[in-house]
N, C-alpha and C. Protein backbone atom coordinates (compact mmCIF):
# COMPACT_ATOMS: atom_id res chain seq x y z
N UNK A 1 13.01 -30.85 -4.66
CA UNK A 1 12.58 -30.83 -6.04
C UNK A 1 12.71 -29.42 -6.64
N UNK A 2 12.39 -28.39 -5.85
CA UNK A 2 12.52 -27.03 -6.34
C UNK A 2 13.96 -26.71 -6.73
N UNK A 3 14.88 -27.16 -5.93
CA UNK A 3 16.29 -26.89 -6.21
C UNK A 3 16.74 -27.63 -7.47
N UNK A 4 16.31 -28.87 -7.62
CA UNK A 4 16.71 -29.65 -8.79
C UNK A 4 16.16 -29.05 -10.08
N UNK A 5 14.94 -28.52 -10.03
CA UNK A 5 14.34 -27.89 -11.20
C UNK A 5 14.80 -26.45 -11.41
N UNK A 6 15.55 -25.92 -10.44
CA UNK A 6 16.04 -24.54 -10.46
C UNK A 6 14.91 -23.52 -10.43
N UNK A 7 13.83 -23.89 -9.74
CA UNK A 7 12.73 -22.96 -9.53
C UNK A 7 13.06 -22.08 -8.34
N UNK A 8 12.48 -20.89 -8.31
CA UNK A 8 12.69 -19.97 -7.19
C UNK A 8 11.37 -19.73 -6.48
N UNK A 9 11.42 -19.79 -5.16
CA UNK A 9 10.25 -19.47 -4.35
C UNK A 9 10.24 -17.97 -4.09
N UNK A 10 9.06 -17.38 -4.17
CA UNK A 10 8.94 -15.94 -3.99
C UNK A 10 7.92 -15.61 -2.92
N UNK A 11 8.16 -14.53 -2.21
CA UNK A 11 7.18 -13.94 -1.30
C UNK A 11 7.10 -12.47 -1.66
N UNK A 12 5.89 -11.96 -1.88
CA UNK A 12 5.73 -10.57 -2.29
C UNK A 12 4.74 -9.87 -1.37
N UNK A 13 4.84 -8.55 -1.33
CA UNK A 13 3.90 -7.72 -0.60
C UNK A 13 3.77 -6.39 -1.33
N UNK A 14 2.55 -5.89 -1.39
CA UNK A 14 2.30 -4.57 -1.97
C UNK A 14 1.50 -3.77 -0.96
N UNK A 15 1.97 -2.57 -0.67
CA UNK A 15 1.29 -1.67 0.25
C UNK A 15 1.20 -0.32 -0.44
N UNK A 16 0.00 0.25 -0.44
CA UNK A 16 -0.18 1.56 -1.07
C UNK A 16 -0.88 2.48 -0.08
N UNK A 17 -0.29 3.64 0.12
CA UNK A 17 -0.84 4.64 1.02
C UNK A 17 -0.88 5.96 0.26
N UNK A 18 -1.92 6.73 0.45
CA UNK A 18 -1.96 8.03 -0.21
C UNK A 18 -3.37 8.48 -0.47
N UNK A 19 -3.47 9.54 -1.23
CA UNK A 19 -4.77 10.10 -1.57
C UNK A 19 -4.68 10.76 -2.94
N UNK A 20 -5.82 11.16 -3.45
CA UNK A 20 -5.90 11.85 -4.73
C UNK A 20 -6.45 13.24 -4.46
N UNK A 21 -5.80 14.24 -4.99
CA UNK A 21 -6.25 15.62 -4.75
C UNK A 21 -7.55 15.89 -5.51
N UNK A 22 -8.29 16.85 -5.04
CA UNK A 22 -9.54 17.24 -5.69
C UNK A 22 -9.26 17.74 -7.11
N UNK A 23 -8.14 18.42 -7.29
CA UNK A 23 -7.78 18.92 -8.63
C UNK A 23 -7.62 17.76 -9.62
N UNK A 24 -7.00 16.66 -9.18
CA UNK A 24 -6.84 15.51 -10.07
C UNK A 24 -8.15 14.77 -10.28
N UNK A 25 -8.97 14.67 -9.26
CA UNK A 25 -10.27 14.02 -9.40
C UNK A 25 -11.15 14.79 -10.39
N UNK A 26 -11.05 16.11 -10.39
CA UNK A 26 -11.84 16.92 -11.31
C UNK A 26 -11.41 16.77 -12.76
N UNK A 27 -10.24 16.19 -13.03
CA UNK A 27 -9.78 15.98 -14.40
C UNK A 27 -10.50 14.83 -15.09
N UNK A 28 -11.18 13.97 -14.33
CA UNK A 28 -11.90 12.84 -14.91
C UNK A 28 -13.21 13.36 -15.49
N UNK A 29 -13.43 13.22 -16.80
CA UNK A 29 -14.68 13.72 -17.39
C UNK A 29 -15.87 12.87 -16.92
N UNK A 30 -17.05 13.50 -16.76
CA UNK A 30 -18.21 12.74 -16.29
C UNK A 30 -18.76 11.78 -17.35
N UNK A 31 -18.54 12.08 -18.65
CA UNK A 31 -19.02 11.21 -19.72
C UNK A 31 -17.93 11.01 -20.76
N UNK A 32 -18.04 9.90 -21.52
CA UNK A 32 -17.08 9.65 -22.59
C UNK A 32 -17.59 10.26 -23.90
N UNK A 33 -16.93 9.99 -25.01
CA UNK A 33 -17.29 10.58 -26.30
C UNK A 33 -18.68 10.15 -26.77
N UNK A 34 -19.16 8.99 -26.33
CA UNK A 34 -20.49 8.51 -26.72
C UNK A 34 -21.56 8.97 -25.74
N UNK A 35 -21.20 9.74 -24.72
CA UNK A 35 -22.16 10.24 -23.76
C UNK A 35 -22.46 9.30 -22.60
N UNK A 36 -21.74 8.20 -22.52
CA UNK A 36 -21.94 7.26 -21.41
C UNK A 36 -21.19 7.75 -20.18
N UNK A 37 -21.75 7.49 -19.01
CA UNK A 37 -21.10 7.90 -17.77
C UNK A 37 -19.77 7.16 -17.61
N UNK A 38 -18.77 7.88 -17.17
CA UNK A 38 -17.45 7.31 -16.95
C UNK A 38 -17.35 6.87 -15.49
N UNK A 39 -16.92 5.62 -15.28
CA UNK A 39 -16.70 5.16 -13.92
C UNK A 39 -15.45 5.83 -13.38
N UNK A 40 -15.56 6.42 -12.23
CA UNK A 40 -14.40 7.03 -11.59
C UNK A 40 -13.62 5.96 -10.85
N UNK A 41 -12.98 6.34 -9.81
CA UNK A 41 -12.25 5.38 -8.99
C UNK A 41 -12.38 5.82 -7.54
N UNK A 42 -12.15 4.90 -6.67
CA UNK A 42 -12.20 5.19 -5.24
C UNK A 42 -10.82 5.56 -4.76
N UNK A 43 -10.76 6.61 -3.99
CA UNK A 43 -9.50 6.99 -3.36
C UNK A 43 -9.34 6.19 -2.08
N UNK A 44 -8.13 6.02 -1.64
CA UNK A 44 -7.87 5.31 -0.39
C UNK A 44 -8.36 6.13 0.79
N UNK A 45 -8.76 5.44 1.83
CA UNK A 45 -9.10 6.10 3.08
C UNK A 45 -7.84 6.11 3.95
N UNK A 46 -8.01 6.21 5.24
CA UNK A 46 -6.84 6.19 6.13
C UNK A 46 -6.22 4.81 6.24
N UNK A 47 -6.93 3.79 5.75
CA UNK A 47 -6.40 2.42 5.75
C UNK A 47 -5.58 2.18 4.49
N UNK A 48 -4.36 1.70 4.59
CA UNK A 48 -3.57 1.42 3.39
C UNK A 48 -4.11 0.19 2.65
N UNK A 49 -3.87 0.14 1.34
CA UNK A 49 -4.19 -1.04 0.54
C UNK A 49 -3.04 -2.03 0.73
N UNK A 50 -3.37 -3.29 1.05
CA UNK A 50 -2.33 -4.28 1.31
C UNK A 50 -2.69 -5.59 0.61
N UNK A 51 -1.73 -6.14 -0.11
CA UNK A 51 -1.87 -7.50 -0.63
C UNK A 51 -0.54 -8.22 -0.47
N UNK A 52 -0.63 -9.52 -0.22
CA UNK A 52 0.57 -10.35 -0.07
C UNK A 52 0.45 -11.53 -1.01
N UNK A 53 1.58 -12.10 -1.36
CA UNK A 53 1.55 -13.22 -2.28
C UNK A 53 2.77 -14.11 -2.13
N UNK A 54 2.67 -15.25 -2.74
CA UNK A 54 3.78 -16.19 -2.77
C UNK A 54 3.70 -16.92 -4.10
N UNK A 55 4.82 -17.41 -4.57
CA UNK A 55 4.79 -18.06 -5.87
C UNK A 55 6.07 -18.80 -6.20
N UNK A 56 6.07 -19.30 -7.42
CA UNK A 56 7.19 -20.04 -7.99
C UNK A 56 7.60 -19.33 -9.27
N UNK A 57 8.89 -19.12 -9.44
CA UNK A 57 9.44 -18.44 -10.61
C UNK A 57 10.40 -19.38 -11.33
N UNK A 58 10.68 -19.10 -12.59
CA UNK A 58 11.65 -19.83 -13.40
C UNK A 58 11.13 -21.20 -13.85
N UNK A 59 9.81 -21.32 -14.02
CA UNK A 59 9.22 -22.57 -14.51
C UNK A 59 9.49 -22.64 -16.01
N UNK A 60 10.18 -23.64 -16.45
CA UNK A 60 10.63 -23.78 -17.85
C UNK A 60 11.38 -22.53 -18.31
N UNK A 61 11.96 -21.80 -17.37
CA UNK A 61 12.75 -20.59 -17.61
C UNK A 61 11.95 -19.43 -18.18
N UNK A 62 10.62 -19.54 -18.28
CA UNK A 62 9.83 -18.44 -18.84
C UNK A 62 8.54 -18.14 -18.08
N UNK A 63 8.10 -18.98 -17.14
CA UNK A 63 6.83 -18.77 -16.47
C UNK A 63 6.99 -18.49 -14.99
N UNK A 64 5.97 -17.84 -14.45
CA UNK A 64 5.89 -17.55 -13.02
C UNK A 64 4.43 -17.70 -12.60
N UNK A 65 4.19 -18.33 -11.46
CA UNK A 65 2.84 -18.50 -10.92
C UNK A 65 2.83 -17.90 -9.52
N UNK A 66 1.86 -16.99 -9.28
CA UNK A 66 1.73 -16.33 -7.98
C UNK A 66 0.34 -16.58 -7.42
N UNK A 67 0.24 -16.77 -6.12
CA UNK A 67 -1.02 -16.77 -5.39
C UNK A 67 -1.06 -15.46 -4.61
N UNK A 68 -2.11 -14.67 -4.81
CA UNK A 68 -2.18 -13.32 -4.25
C UNK A 68 -3.39 -13.23 -3.32
N UNK A 69 -3.16 -12.70 -2.12
CA UNK A 69 -4.22 -12.50 -1.13
C UNK A 69 -4.38 -11.01 -0.88
N UNK A 70 -5.58 -10.51 -1.11
CA UNK A 70 -5.89 -9.12 -0.81
C UNK A 70 -6.33 -9.04 0.65
N UNK A 71 -5.71 -8.16 1.43
CA UNK A 71 -5.98 -8.11 2.86
C UNK A 71 -6.88 -6.96 3.28
N UNK A 72 -6.92 -5.88 2.52
CA UNK A 72 -7.76 -4.73 2.87
C UNK A 72 -8.66 -4.37 1.70
N UNK A 73 -9.65 -3.53 1.94
CA UNK A 73 -10.62 -3.08 0.94
C UNK A 73 -11.35 -4.27 0.30
N UNK A 74 -11.72 -5.22 1.13
CA UNK A 74 -12.42 -6.41 0.65
C UNK A 74 -13.89 -6.14 0.36
N UNK A 75 -14.43 -5.04 0.89
CA UNK A 75 -15.85 -4.74 0.67
C UNK A 75 -16.09 -3.86 -0.55
N UNK A 76 -15.05 -3.50 -1.29
CA UNK A 76 -15.22 -2.69 -2.51
C UNK A 76 -15.90 -3.50 -3.60
N UNK A 77 -16.47 -2.80 -4.56
CA UNK A 77 -17.12 -3.41 -5.71
C UNK A 77 -16.41 -2.89 -6.95
N UNK A 78 -16.14 -3.78 -7.93
CA UNK A 78 -15.46 -3.37 -9.16
C UNK A 78 -16.38 -2.49 -9.99
N UNK A 79 -15.85 -1.90 -11.05
CA UNK A 79 -16.65 -1.02 -11.91
C UNK A 79 -17.79 -1.75 -12.61
N UNK A 80 -17.75 -3.08 -12.66
CA UNK A 80 -18.83 -3.85 -13.27
C UNK A 80 -19.90 -4.23 -12.26
N UNK A 81 -19.71 -3.85 -11.00
CA UNK A 81 -20.67 -4.19 -9.96
C UNK A 81 -20.41 -5.52 -9.28
N UNK A 82 -19.34 -6.17 -9.66
CA UNK A 82 -18.98 -7.46 -9.07
C UNK A 82 -18.07 -7.21 -7.88
N UNK A 83 -18.32 -7.86 -6.74
CA UNK A 83 -17.41 -7.68 -5.59
C UNK A 83 -15.99 -8.14 -5.93
N UNK A 84 -15.03 -7.48 -5.33
CA UNK A 84 -13.64 -7.86 -5.56
C UNK A 84 -13.36 -9.22 -4.92
N UNK A 85 -12.38 -9.93 -5.46
CA UNK A 85 -12.05 -11.24 -4.91
C UNK A 85 -10.85 -11.10 -3.96
N UNK A 86 -10.90 -11.77 -2.82
CA UNK A 86 -9.79 -11.66 -1.88
C UNK A 86 -8.60 -12.55 -2.24
N UNK A 87 -8.75 -13.44 -3.24
CA UNK A 87 -7.69 -14.35 -3.59
C UNK A 87 -7.65 -14.52 -5.11
N UNK A 88 -6.44 -14.58 -5.68
CA UNK A 88 -6.30 -14.77 -7.12
C UNK A 88 -5.02 -15.54 -7.42
N UNK A 89 -5.03 -16.24 -8.55
CA UNK A 89 -3.85 -16.90 -9.08
C UNK A 89 -3.42 -16.12 -10.31
N UNK A 90 -2.17 -15.75 -10.37
CA UNK A 90 -1.64 -14.98 -11.50
C UNK A 90 -0.54 -15.80 -12.17
N UNK A 91 -0.67 -15.99 -13.48
CA UNK A 91 0.34 -16.68 -14.27
C UNK A 91 0.93 -15.66 -15.24
N UNK A 92 2.25 -15.56 -15.25
CA UNK A 92 2.90 -14.62 -16.15
C UNK A 92 4.10 -15.29 -16.80
N UNK A 93 4.56 -14.67 -17.88
CA UNK A 93 5.70 -15.18 -18.60
C UNK A 93 6.50 -14.06 -19.20
N UNK A 94 7.66 -14.37 -19.71
CA UNK A 94 8.52 -13.37 -20.32
C UNK A 94 9.37 -14.02 -21.38
N UNK A 95 9.85 -13.18 -22.27
CA UNK A 95 10.76 -13.62 -23.32
C UNK A 95 12.09 -12.94 -23.11
N UNK A 96 13.15 -13.70 -23.09
CA UNK A 96 14.48 -13.12 -22.92
C UNK A 96 15.31 -13.35 -24.17
N UNK A 97 16.04 -12.34 -24.54
CA UNK A 97 16.89 -12.44 -25.72
C UNK A 97 18.34 -12.31 -25.36
């Protein structure tokens, strides 16, 4: 069926390794223009950030659906205080001229 519809199966992986220098971290102001505290960000530790995914592309020639699994840094909390989710569905589209 995938071949008949001309859909493409995808497998993706994202790996990020690195750190942020103290000089760059110091560039983040502690408060915004209204005086509210600015949420910083967490730098990576010695463990790389890894996520993998799979999906279908070329749906009606404009849509793509991906299922994404986060494999590391599962214990982090977002800036809103909500724990990160280890799984997500991403739907995207594009316009071609």
